[in-house]
Amino acid sequence: LENLFLVSTSFEGLQNLKAPKLDRLYIFMCYQFTPEAYA
């Protein structure tokens, strides 16, 4: 996985995702995303 787009989801974070090649992450209107998840 290189590109992940999240738009209007209820995910609070991506702690469970293992994606060593992730290069681009787009997060739009994901209001449940916590400050800890951003960190």
PDB file of all heavy atoms in Angstrom:
ATOM      1  N   LEU A   1       0.836  -1.202   0.000  1.00  0.00           N
ATOM      2  CA  LEU A   1       0.000   0.000   0.000  1.00  0.00           C
ATOM      3  C   LEU A   1       0.873   1.255   0.000  1.00  0.00           C
ATOM      4  O   LEU A   1       1.713   1.437   0.867  1.00  0.00           O
ATOM      5  CB  LEU A   1      -0.917   0.014   1.222  1.00  0.00           C
ATOM      6  CG  LEU A   1      -1.924   1.156   1.275  1.00  0.00           C
ATOM      7  CD1 LEU A   1      -2.955   1.003   0.155  1.00  0.00           C
ATOM      8  CD2 LEU A   1      -2.605   1.207   2.621  1.00  0.00           C
ATOM      9  N   GLU A   2       0.655   2.106  -1.001  1.00  0.00           N
ATOM     10  CA  GLU A   2       1.414   3.351  -1.128  1.00  0.00           C
ATOM     11  C   GLU A   2       0.543   4.578  -0.911  1.00  0.00           C
ATOM     12  O   GLU A   2       1.040   5.602  -0.458  1.00  0.00           O
ATOM     13  CB  GLU A   2       2.072   3.422  -2.507  1.00  0.00           C
ATOM     14  CG  GLU A   2       3.132   2.357  -2.722  1.00  0.00           C
ATOM     15  CD  GLU A   2       3.757   2.424  -4.103  1.00  0.00           C
ATOM     16  OE1 GLU A   2       3.373   3.322  -4.893  1.00  0.00           O
ATOM     17  OE2 GLU A   2       4.610   1.581  -4.398  1.00  0.00           O
ATOM     18  N   ASN A   3      -0.737   4.491  -1.262  1.00  0.00           N
ATOM     19  CA  ASN A   3      -1.648   5.635  -1.174  1.00  0.00           C
ATOM     20  C   ASN A   3      -2.907   5.230  -0.423  1.00  0.00           C
ATOM     21  O   ASN A   3      -3.562   4.252  -0.790  1.00  0.00           O
ATOM     22  CB  ASN A   3      -2.058   6.114  -2.570  1.00  0.00           C
ATOM     23  CG  ASN A   3      -0.880   6.601  -3.370  1.00  0.00           C
ATOM     24  OD1 ASN A   3      -0.358   7.660  -3.102  1.00  0.00           O
ATOM     25  ND2 ASN A   3      -0.447   5.801  -4.328  1.00  0.00           N
ATOM     26  N   LEU A   4      -3.251   6.000   0.608  1.00  0.00           N
ATOM     27  CA  LEU A   4      -4.461   5.744   1.377  1.00  0.00           C
ATOM     28  C   LEU A   4      -5.262   7.035   1.474  1.00  0.00           C
ATOM     29  O   LEU A   4      -4.754   8.061   1.924  1.00  0.00           O
ATOM     30  CB  LEU A   4      -4.107   5.236   2.778  1.00  0.00           C
ATOM     31  CG  LEU A   4      -5.270   5.032   3.744  1.00  0.00           C
ATOM     32  CD1 LEU A   4      -6.277   4.017   3.202  1.00  0.00           C
ATOM     33  CD2 LEU A   4      -4.751   4.587   5.102  1.00  0.00           C
ATOM     34  N   PHE A   5      -6.501   6.979   1.019  1.00  0.00           N
ATOM     35  CA  PHE A   5      -7.419   8.105   1.082  1.00  0.00           C
ATOM     36  C   PHE A   5      -8.543   7.745   2.044  1.00  0.00           C
ATOM     37  O   PHE A   5      -9.213   6.739   1.857  1.00  0.00           O
ATOM     38  CB  PHE A   5      -8.041   8.391  -0.295  1.00  0.00           C
ATOM     39  CG  PHE A   5      -7.072   8.858  -1.325  1.00  0.00           C
ATOM     40  CD1 PHE A   5      -6.285   7.950  -2.026  1.00  0.00           C
ATOM     41  CD2 PHE A   5      -6.947  10.205  -1.614  1.00  0.00           C
ATOM     42  CE1 PHE A   5      -5.390   8.379  -2.988  1.00  0.00           C
ATOM     43  CE2 PHE A   5      -6.048  10.647  -2.576  1.00  0.00           C
ATOM     44  CZ  PHE A   5      -5.271   9.728  -3.261  1.00  0.00           C
ATOM     45  N   LEU A   6      -8.743   8.565   3.063  1.00  0.00           N
ATOM     46  CA  LEU A   6      -9.862   8.394   3.984  1.00  0.00           C
ATOM     47  C   LEU A   6     -10.721   9.645   3.892  1.00  0.00           C
ATOM     48  O   LEU A   6     -10.260  10.748   4.182  1.00  0.00           O
ATOM     49  CB  LEU A   6      -9.360   8.223   5.421  1.00  0.00           C
ATOM     50  CG  LEU A   6      -8.459   7.022   5.691  1.00  0.00           C
ATOM     51  CD1 LEU A   6      -7.993   7.043   7.141  1.00  0.00           C
ATOM     52  CD2 LEU A   6      -9.181   5.725   5.384  1.00  0.00           C
ATOM     53  N   VAL A   7     -11.968   9.465   3.506  1.00  0.00           N
ATOM     54  CA  VAL A   7     -12.893  10.585   3.361  1.00  0.00           C
ATOM     55  C   VAL A   7     -14.179  10.246   4.108  1.00  0.00           C
ATOM     56  O   VAL A   7     -14.823   9.235   3.817  1.00  0.00           O
ATOM     57  CB  VAL A   7     -13.210  10.881   1.878  1.00  0.00           C
ATOM     58  CG1 VAL A   7     -14.180  12.040   1.741  1.00  0.00           C
ATOM     59  CG2 VAL A   7     -11.941  11.138   1.095  1.00  0.00           C
ATOM     60  N   SER A   8     -14.524  11.061   5.083  1.00  0.00           N
ATOM     61  CA  SER A   8     -15.763  10.883   5.855  1.00  0.00           C
ATOM     62  C   SER A   8     -15.872   9.470   6.424  1.00  0.00           C
ATOM     63  O   SER A   8     -16.769   8.713   6.084  1.00  0.00           O
ATOM     64  CB  SER A   8     -16.990  11.193   4.998  1.00  0.00           C
ATOM     65  OG  SER A   8     -16.983  12.526   4.592  1.00  0.00           O
ATOM     66  N   THR A   9     -14.948   9.126   7.278  1.00  0.00           N
ATOM     67  CA  THR A   9     -15.000   7.823   7.938  1.00  0.00           C
ATOM     68  C   THR A   9     -15.104   8.021   9.446  1.00  0.00           C
ATOM     69  O   THR A   9     -14.877   9.107   9.959  1.00  0.00           O
ATOM     70  CB  THR A   9     -13.745   6.982   7.646  1.00  0.00           C
ATOM     71  OG1 THR A   9     -12.631   7.577   8.283  1.00  0.00           O
ATOM     72  CG2 THR A   9     -13.497   6.842   6.156  1.00  0.00           C
ATOM     73  N   SER A  10     -15.428   6.961  10.147  1.00  0.00           N
ATOM     74  CA  SER A  10     -15.539   7.018  11.609  1.00  0.00           C
ATOM     75  C   SER A  10     -14.291   6.470  12.291  1.00  0.00           C
ATOM     76  O   SER A  10     -14.279   6.296  13.506  1.00  0.00           O
ATOM     77  CB  SER A  10     -16.769   6.236  12.072  1.00  0.00           C
ATOM     78  OG  SER A  10     -16.681   4.883  11.665  1.00  0.00           O
ATOM     79  N   PHE A  11     -13.244   6.213  11.536  1.00  0.00           N
ATOM     80  CA  PHE A  11     -12.014   5.684  12.128  1.00  0.00           C
ATOM     81  C   PHE A  11     -11.416   6.686  13.112  1.00  0.00           C
ATOM     82  O   PHE A  11     -11.308   7.874  12.820  1.00  0.00           O
ATOM     83  CB  PHE A  11     -10.966   5.352  11.062  1.00  0.00           C
ATOM     84  CG  PHE A  11     -11.382   4.273  10.114  1.00  0.00           C
ATOM     85  CD1 PHE A  11     -11.193   4.422   8.767  1.00  0.00           C
ATOM     86  CD2 PHE A  11     -11.954   3.101  10.579  1.00  0.00           C
ATOM     87  CE1 PHE A  11     -11.566   3.428   7.876  1.00  0.00           C
ATOM     88  CE2 PHE A  11     -12.331   2.099   9.702  1.00  0.00           C
ATOM     89  CZ  PHE A  11     -12.137   2.263   8.344  1.00  0.00           C
ATOM     90  N   GLU A  12     -11.011   6.183  14.265  1.00  0.00           N
ATOM     91  CA  GLU A  12     -10.390   7.018  15.290  1.00  0.00           C
ATOM     92  C   GLU A  12      -8.877   7.038  15.151  1.00  0.00           C
ATOM     93  O   GLU A  12      -8.200   7.785  15.839  1.00  0.00           O
ATOM     94  CB  GLU A  12     -10.786   6.518  16.673  1.00  0.00           C
ATOM     95  CG  GLU A  12     -12.267   6.661  16.937  1.00  0.00           C
ATOM     96  CD  GLU A  12     -12.696   6.044  18.255  1.00  0.00           C
ATOM     97  OE1 GLU A  12     -11.881   5.338  18.888  1.00  0.00           O
ATOM     98  OE2 GLU A  12     -13.851   6.269  18.647  1.00  0.00           O
ATOM     99  N   GLY A  13      -8.335   6.189  14.271  1.00  0.00           N
ATOM    100  CA  GLY A  13      -6.899   6.134  14.066  1.00  0.00           C
ATOM    101  C   GLY A  13      -6.524   4.995  13.153  1.00  0.00           C
ATOM    102  O   GLY A  13      -7.376   4.242  12.680  1.00  0.00           O
ATOM    103  N   LEU A  14      -5.228   4.867  12.916  1.00  0.00           N
ATOM    104  CA  LEU A  14      -4.703   3.830  12.019  1.00  0.00           C
ATOM    105  C   LEU A  14      -3.725   2.904  12.735  1.00  0.00           C
ATOM    106  O   LEU A  14      -2.855   2.323  12.099  1.00  0.00           O
ATOM    107  CB  LEU A  14      -4.006   4.494  10.827  1.00  0.00           C
ATOM    108  CG  LEU A  14      -4.884   5.359   9.942  1.00  0.00           C
ATOM    109  CD1 LEU A  14      -4.040   6.090   8.913  1.00  0.00           C
ATOM    110  CD2 LEU A  14      -5.944   4.515   9.262  1.00  0.00           C
ATOM    111  N   GLN A  15      -3.875   2.760  14.052  1.00  0.00           N
ATOM    112  CA  GLN A  15      -2.928   1.978  14.827  1.00  0.00           C
ATOM    113  C   GLN A  15      -2.827   0.526  14.371  1.00  0.00           C
ATOM    114  O   GLN A  15      -1.779  -0.095  14.508  1.00  0.00           O
ATOM    115  CB  GLN A  15      -3.307   2.017  16.319  1.00  0.00           C
ATOM    116  CG  GLN A  15      -3.164   3.369  16.944  1.00  0.00           C
ATOM    117  CD  GLN A  15      -4.382   4.267  16.723  1.00  0.00           C
ATOM    118  OE1 GLN A  15      -5.244   4.006  15.924  1.00  0.00           O
ATOM    119  NE2 GLN A  15      -4.420   5.363  17.468  1.00  0.00           N
ATOM    120  N   ASN A  16      -3.885  -0.038  13.813  1.00  0.00           N
ATOM    121  CA  ASN A  16      -3.882  -1.444  13.408  1.00  0.00           C
ATOM    122  C   ASN A  16      -3.338  -1.669  12.002  1.00  0.00           C
ATOM    123  O   ASN A  16      -3.144  -2.803  11.594  1.00  0.00           O
ATOM    124  CB  ASN A  16      -5.293  -2.016  13.482  1.00  0.00           C
ATOM    125  CG  ASN A  16      -5.810  -2.061  14.890  1.00  0.00           C
ATOM    126  OD1 ASN A  16      -5.043  -2.187  15.833  1.00  0.00           O
ATOM    127  ND2 ASN A  16      -7.109  -1.941  15.049  1.00  0.00           N
ATOM    128  N   LEU A  17      -3.098  -0.614  11.266  1.00  0.00           N
ATOM    129  CA  LEU A  17      -2.639  -0.742   9.888  1.00  0.00           C
ATOM    130  C   LEU A  17      -1.130  -0.942   9.840  1.00  0.00           C
ATOM    131  O   LEU A  17      -0.370  -0.153  10.393  1.00  0.00           O
ATOM    132  CB  LEU A  17      -3.022   0.509   9.084  1.00  0.00           C
ATOM    133  CG  LEU A  17      -2.498   0.573   7.653  1.00  0.00           C
ATOM    134  CD1 LEU A  17      -3.056  -0.566   6.813  1.00  0.00           C
ATOM    135  CD2 LEU A  17      -2.838   1.920   7.038  1.00  0.00           C
ATOM    136  N   LYS A  18      -0.710  -1.983   9.148  1.00  0.00           N
ATOM    137  CA  LYS A  18       0.707  -2.230   8.871  1.00  0.00           C
ATOM    138  C   LYS A  18       0.911  -2.001   7.377  1.00  0.00           C
ATOM    139  O   LYS A  18       0.469  -2.793   6.551  1.00  0.00           O
ATOM    140  CB  LYS A  18       1.109  -3.661   9.242  1.00  0.00           C
ATOM    141  CG  LYS A  18       0.804  -4.039  10.684  1.00  0.00           C
ATOM    142  CD  LYS A  18       1.669  -3.263  11.648  1.00  0.00           C
ATOM    143  CE  LYS A  18       1.432  -3.715  13.057  1.00  0.00           C
ATOM    144  NZ  LYS A  18       0.651  -2.843  13.878  1.00  0.00           N
ATOM    145  N   ALA A  19       1.534  -0.881   7.038  1.00  0.00           N
ATOM    146  CA  ALA A  19       1.754  -0.521   5.637  1.00  0.00           C
ATOM    147  C   ALA A  19       3.127   0.135   5.515  1.00  0.00           C
ATOM    148  O   ALA A  19       3.248   1.362   5.506  1.00  0.00           O
ATOM    149  CB  ALA A  19       0.653   0.410   5.150  1.00  0.00           C
ATOM    150  N   PRO A  20       4.181  -0.666   5.414  1.00  0.00           N
ATOM    151  CA  PRO A  20       5.545  -0.112   5.416  1.00  0.00           C
ATOM    152  C   PRO A  20       5.871   0.776   4.216  1.00  0.00           C
ATOM    153  O   PRO A  20       6.767   1.601   4.294  1.00  0.00           O
ATOM    154  CB  PRO A  20       6.427  -1.356   5.441  1.00  0.00           C
ATOM    155  CG  PRO A  20       5.578  -2.467   4.938  1.00  0.00           C
ATOM    156  CD  PRO A  20       4.170  -2.121   5.307  1.00  0.00           C
ATOM    157  N   LYS A  21       5.143   0.640   3.114  1.00  0.00           N
ATOM    158  CA  LYS A  21       5.431   1.448   1.926  1.00  0.00           C
ATOM    159  C   LYS A  21       4.497   2.642   1.768  1.00  0.00           C
ATOM    160  O   LYS A  21       4.547   3.338   0.760  1.00  0.00           O
ATOM    161  CB  LYS A  21       5.347   0.585   0.665  1.00  0.00           C
ATOM    162  CG  LYS A  21       6.476  -0.411   0.548  1.00  0.00           C
ATOM    163  CD  LYS A  21       6.475  -1.046  -0.805  1.00  0.00           C
ATOM    164  CE  LYS A  21       7.690  -1.941  -0.953  1.00  0.00           C
ATOM    165  NZ  LYS A  21       7.765  -2.514  -2.292  1.00  0.00           N
ATOM    166  N   LEU A  22       3.660   2.898   2.775  1.00  0.00           N
ATOM    167  CA  LEU A  22       2.713   4.007   2.675  1.00  0.00           C
ATOM    168  C   LEU A  22       3.473   5.315   2.479  1.00  0.00           C
ATOM    169  O   LEU A  22       4.303   5.696   3.286  1.00  0.00           O
ATOM    170  CB  LEU A  22       1.837   4.084   3.927  1.00  0.00           C
ATOM    171  CG  LEU A  22       0.696   5.084   3.846  1.00  0.00           C
ATOM    172  CD1 LEU A  22      -0.296   4.696   2.758  1.00  0.00           C
ATOM    173  CD2 LEU A  22      -0.008   5.185   5.179  1.00  0.00           C
ATOM    174  N   ASP A  23       3.188   5.973   1.369  1.00  0.00           N
ATOM    175  CA  ASP A  23       3.889   7.199   0.995  1.00  0.00           C
ATOM    176  C   ASP A  23       2.970   8.411   1.071  1.00  0.00           C
ATOM    177  O   ASP A  23       3.400   9.501   1.392  1.00  0.00           O
ATOM    178  CB  ASP A  23       4.448   7.044  -0.416  1.00  0.00           C
ATOM    179  CG  ASP A  23       5.391   8.149  -0.802  1.00  0.00           C
ATOM    180  OD1 ASP A  23       6.155   8.608   0.058  1.00  0.00           O
ATOM    181  OD2 ASP A  23       5.369   8.555  -1.984  1.00  0.00           O
ATOM    182  N   ARG A  24       1.689   8.219   0.766  1.00  0.00           N
ATOM    183  CA  ARG A  24       0.736   9.328   0.762  1.00  0.00           C
ATOM    184  C   ARG A  24      -0.500   8.951   1.570  1.00  0.00           C
ATOM    185  O   ARG A  24      -1.123   7.929   1.311  1.00  0.00           O
ATOM    186  CB  ARG A  24       0.333   9.666  -0.668  1.00  0.00           C
ATOM    187  CG  ARG A  24       1.461  10.258  -1.450  1.00  0.00           C
ATOM    188  CD  ARG A  24       1.024  10.567  -2.882  1.00  0.00           C
ATOM    189  NE  ARG A  24       2.157  11.023  -3.644  1.00  0.00           N
ATOM    190  CZ  ARG A  24       2.941  10.218  -4.364  1.00  0.00           C
ATOM    191  NH1 ARG A  24       2.704   8.931  -4.398  1.00  0.00           N
ATOM    192  NH2 ARG A  24       3.960  10.712  -5.031  1.00  0.00           N
ATOM    193  N   LEU A  25      -0.836   9.795   2.512  1.00  0.00           N
ATOM    194  CA  LEU A  25      -2.006   9.592   3.352  1.00  0.00           C
ATOM    195  C   LEU A  25      -2.853  10.855   3.298  1.00  0.00           C
ATOM    196  O   LEU A  25      -2.389  11.940   3.633  1.00  0.00           O
ATOM    197  CB  LEU A  25      -1.577   9.310   4.797  1.00  0.00           C
ATOM    198  CG  LEU A  25      -2.681   9.217   5.835  1.00  0.00           C
ATOM    199  CD1 LEU A  25      -3.646   8.077   5.515  1.00  0.00           C
ATOM    200  CD2 LEU A  25      -2.065   9.017   7.207  1.00  0.00           C
ATOM    201  N   TYR A  26      -4.070  10.709   2.831  1.00  0.00           N
ATOM    202  CA  TYR A  26      -5.000  11.831   2.724  1.00  0.00           C
ATOM    203  C   TYR A  26      -6.151  11.584   3.676  1.00  0.00           C
ATOM    204  O   TYR A  26      -6.797  10.543   3.613  1.00  0.00           O
ATOM    205  CB  TYR A  26      -5.529  11.958   1.292  1.00  0.00           C
ATOM    206  CG  TYR A  26      -4.439  12.183   0.282  1.00  0.00           C
ATOM    207  CD1 TYR A  26      -3.852  11.116  -0.376  1.00  0.00           C
ATOM    208  CD2 TYR A  26      -3.993  13.470  -0.004  1.00  0.00           C
ATOM    209  CE1 TYR A  26      -2.842  11.315  -1.301  1.00  0.00           C
ATOM    210  CE2 TYR A  26      -2.984  13.674  -0.927  1.00  0.00           C
ATOM    211  CZ  TYR A  26      -2.418  12.596  -1.576  1.00  0.00           C
ATOM    212  OH  TYR A  26      -1.416  12.793  -2.483  1.00  0.00           O
ATOM    213  N   ILE A  27      -6.426  12.543   4.552  1.00  0.00           N
ATOM    214  CA  ILE A  27      -7.509  12.428   5.519  1.00  0.00           C
ATOM    215  C   ILE A  27      -8.399  13.654   5.366  1.00  0.00           C
ATOM    216  O   ILE A  27      -7.960  14.774   5.625  1.00  0.00           O
ATOM    217  CB  ILE A  27      -6.962  12.340   6.960  1.00  0.00           C
ATOM    218  CG1 ILE A  27      -6.017  11.152   7.083  1.00  0.00           C
ATOM    219  CG2 ILE A  27      -8.100  12.226   7.951  1.00  0.00           C
ATOM    220  CD1 ILE A  27      -5.287  11.106   8.412  1.00  0.00           C
ATOM    221  N   PHE A  28      -9.636  13.436   4.931  1.00  0.00           N
ATOM    222  CA  PHE A  28     -10.589  14.530   4.733  1.00  0.00           C
ATOM    223  C   PHE A  28     -11.862  14.243   5.515  1.00  0.00           C
ATOM    224  O   PHE A  28     -12.414  13.153   5.436  1.00  0.00           O
ATOM    225  CB  PHE A  28     -10.959  14.681   3.249  1.00  0.00           C
ATOM    226  CG  PHE A  28      -9.790  14.937   2.349  1.00  0.00           C
ATOM    227  CD1 PHE A  28      -9.293  13.929   1.543  1.00  0.00           C
ATOM    228  CD2 PHE A  28      -9.199  16.180   2.302  1.00  0.00           C
ATOM    229  CE1 PHE A  28      -8.210  14.154   0.708  1.00  0.00           C
ATOM    230  CE2 PHE A  28      -8.119  16.418   1.468  1.00  0.00           C
ATOM    231  CZ  PHE A  28      -7.617  15.402   0.672  1.00  0.00           C
ATOM    232  N   MET A  29     -12.325  15.203   6.263  1.00  0.00           N
ATOM    233  CA  MET A  29     -13.588  15.134   6.994  1.00  0.00           C
ATOM    234  C   MET A  29     -13.725  13.863   7.847  1.00  0.00           C
ATOM    235  O   MET A  29     -14.776  13.246   7.898  1.00  0.00           O
ATOM    236  CB  MET A  29     -14.761  15.270   6.026  1.00  0.00           C
ATOM    237  CG  MET A  29     -14.752  16.597   5.299  1.00  0.00           C
ATOM    238  SD  MET A  29     -16.159  16.988   4.241  1.00  0.00           S
ATOM    239  CE  MET A  29     -16.581  15.474   3.459  1.00  0.00           C
ATOM    240  N   CYS A  30     -12.661  13.478   8.494  1.00  0.00           N
ATOM    241  CA  CYS A  30     -12.668  12.341   9.423  1.00  0.00           C
ATOM    242  C   CYS A  30     -12.637  12.921  10.833  1.00  0.00           C
ATOM    243  O   CYS A  30     -11.580  13.005  11.462  1.00  0.00           O
ATOM    244  CB  CYS A  30     -11.483  11.425   9.167  1.00  0.00           C
ATOM    245  SG  CYS A  30     -11.528  10.651   7.541  1.00  0.00           S
ATOM    246  N   TYR A  31     -13.778  13.322  11.313  1.00  0.00           N
ATOM    247  CA  TYR A  31     -13.855  14.091  12.551  1.00  0.00           C
ATOM    248  C   TYR A  31     -13.623  13.257  13.802  1.00  0.00           C
ATOM    249  O   TYR A  31     -13.360  13.804  14.857  1.00  0.00           O
ATOM    250  CB  TYR A  31     -15.195  14.821  12.626  1.00  0.00           C
ATOM    251  CG  TYR A  31     -15.395  15.749  11.460  1.00  0.00           C
ATOM    252  CD1 TYR A  31     -16.411  15.535  10.537  1.00  0.00           C
ATOM    253  CD2 TYR A  31     -14.544  16.830  11.259  1.00  0.00           C
ATOM    254  CE1 TYR A  31     -16.576  16.385   9.460  1.00  0.00           C
ATOM    255  CE2 TYR A  31     -14.698  17.683  10.181  1.00  0.00           C
ATOM    256  CZ  TYR A  31     -15.728  17.453   9.285  1.00  0.00           C
ATOM    257  OH  TYR A  31     -15.872  18.286   8.207  1.00  0.00           O
ATOM    258  N   GLN A  32     -13.699  11.934  13.710  1.00  0.00           N
ATOM    259  CA  GLN A  32     -13.446  11.078  14.860  1.00  0.00           C
ATOM    260  C   GLN A  32     -11.961  10.797  15.050  1.00  0.00           C
ATOM    261  O   GLN A  32     -11.567  10.216  16.047  1.00  0.00           O
ATOM    262  CB  GLN A  32     -14.208   9.747  14.721  1.00  0.00           C
ATOM    263  CG  GLN A  32     -15.646   9.806  15.154  1.00  0.00           C
ATOM    264  CD  GLN A  32     -16.527  10.602  14.193  1.00  0.00           C
ATOM    265  OE1 GLN A  32     -16.134  10.907  13.081  1.00  0.00           O
ATOM    266  NE2 GLN A  32     -17.713  10.959  14.628  1.00  0.00           N
ATOM    267  N   PHE A  33     -11.134  11.160  14.097  1.00  0.00           N
ATOM    268  CA  PHE A  33      -9.693  10.939  14.193  1.00  0.00           C
ATOM    269  C   PHE A  33      -9.172  11.694  15.409  1.00  0.00           C
ATOM    270  O   PHE A  33      -9.326  12.904  15.509  1.00  0.00           O
ATOM    271  CB  PHE A  33      -9.008  11.433  12.914  1.00  0.00           C
ATOM    272  CG  PHE A  33      -7.962  10.513  12.393  1.00  0.00           C
ATOM    273  CD1 PHE A  33      -8.299   9.355  11.728  1.00  0.00           C
ATOM    274  CD2 PHE A  33      -6.622  10.802  12.575  1.00  0.00           C
ATOM    275  CE1 PHE A  33      -7.329   8.503  11.237  1.00  0.00           C
ATOM    276  CE2 PHE A  33      -5.642   9.968  12.098  1.00  0.00           C
ATOM    277  CZ  PHE A  33      -5.996   8.807  11.424  1.00  0.00           C
ATOM    278  N   THR A  34      -8.558  10.984  16.325  1.00  0.00           N
ATOM    279  CA  THR A  34      -8.144  11.580  17.598  1.00  0.00           C
ATOM    280  C   THR A  34      -6.788  12.273  17.480  1.00  0.00           C
ATOM    281  O   THR A  34      -5.997  11.967  16.579  1.00  0.00           O
ATOM    282  CB  THR A  34      -8.042  10.501  18.689  1.00  0.00           C
ATOM    283  OG1 THR A  34      -6.987   9.600  18.334  1.00  0.00           O
ATOM    284  CG2 THR A  34      -9.351   9.753  18.849  1.00  0.00           C
ATOM    285  N   PRO A  35      -6.497  13.200  18.393  1.00  0.00           N
ATOM    286  CA  PRO A  35      -5.170  13.834  18.402  1.00  0.00           C
ATOM    287  C   PRO A  35      -4.052  12.807  18.567  1.00  0.00           C
ATOM    288  O   PRO A  35      -2.986  12.942  17.967  1.00  0.00           O
ATOM    289  CB  PRO A  35      -5.231  14.779  19.603  1.00  0.00           C
ATOM    290  CG  PRO A  35      -6.681  15.086  19.765  1.00  0.00           C
ATOM    291  CD  PRO A  35      -7.402  13.831  19.363  1.00  0.00           C
ATOM    292  N   GLU A  36      -4.297  11.758  19.342  1.00  0.00           N
ATOM    293  CA  GLU A  36      -3.296  10.687  19.502  1.00  0.00           C
ATOM    294  C   GLU A  36      -3.057   9.969  18.178  1.00  0.00           C
ATOM    295  O   GLU A  36      -1.939   9.573  17.867  1.00  0.00           O
ATOM    296  CB  GLU A  36      -3.743   9.685  20.569  1.00  0.00           C
ATOM    297  CG  GLU A  36      -3.831  10.248  21.959  1.00  0.00           C
ATOM    298  CD  GLU A  36      -5.130  10.995  22.241  1.00  0.00           C
ATOM    299  OE1 GLU A  36      -6.106  10.872  21.470  1.00  0.00           O
ATOM    300  OE2 GLU A  36      -5.147  11.740  23.231  1.00  0.00           O
ATOM    301  N   ALA A  37      -4.114   9.818  17.401  1.00  0.00           N
ATOM    302  CA  ALA A  37      -3.980   9.156  16.099  1.00  0.00           C
ATOM    303  C   ALA A  37      -3.147  10.001  15.145  1.00  0.00           C
ATOM    304  O   ALA A  37      -2.323   9.472  14.399  1.00  0.00           O
ATOM    305  CB  ALA A  37      -5.354   8.886  15.514  1.00  0.00           C
ATOM    306  N   TYR A  38      -3.351  11.307  15.179  1.00  0.00           N
ATOM    307  CA  TYR A  38      -2.524  12.182  14.341  1.00  0.00           C
ATOM    308  C   TYR A  38      -1.064  12.103  14.744  1.00  0.00           C
ATOM    309  O   TYR A  38      -0.163  12.083  13.912  1.00  0.00           O
ATOM    310  CB  TYR A  38      -3.015  13.629  14.389  1.00  0.00           C
ATOM    311  CG  TYR A  38      -4.210  13.890  13.505  1.00  0.00           C
ATOM    312  CD1 TYR A  38      -5.461  14.118  14.053  1.00  0.00           C
ATOM    313  CD2 TYR A  38      -4.078  13.898  12.119  1.00  0.00           C
ATOM    314  CE1 TYR A  38      -6.567  14.355  13.231  1.00  0.00           C
ATOM    315  CE2 TYR A  38      -5.167  14.120  11.302  1.00  0.00           C
ATOM    316  CZ  TYR A  38      -6.404  14.359  11.874  1.00  0.00           C
ATOM    317  OH  TYR A  38      -7.484  14.583  11.054  1.00  0.00           O
ATOM    318  N   ALA A  39      -0.814  12.030  16.045  1.00  0.00           N
ATOM    319  CA  ALA A  39       0.572  11.916  16.538  1.00  0.00           C
ATOM    320  C   ALA A  39       1.186  10.591  16.120  1.00  0.00           C
ATOM    321  O   ALA A  39       2.392  10.506  15.881  1.00  0.00           O
ATOM    322  CB  ALA A  39       0.604  12.066  18.048  1.00  0.00           C
TER     323      ALA A  39
END
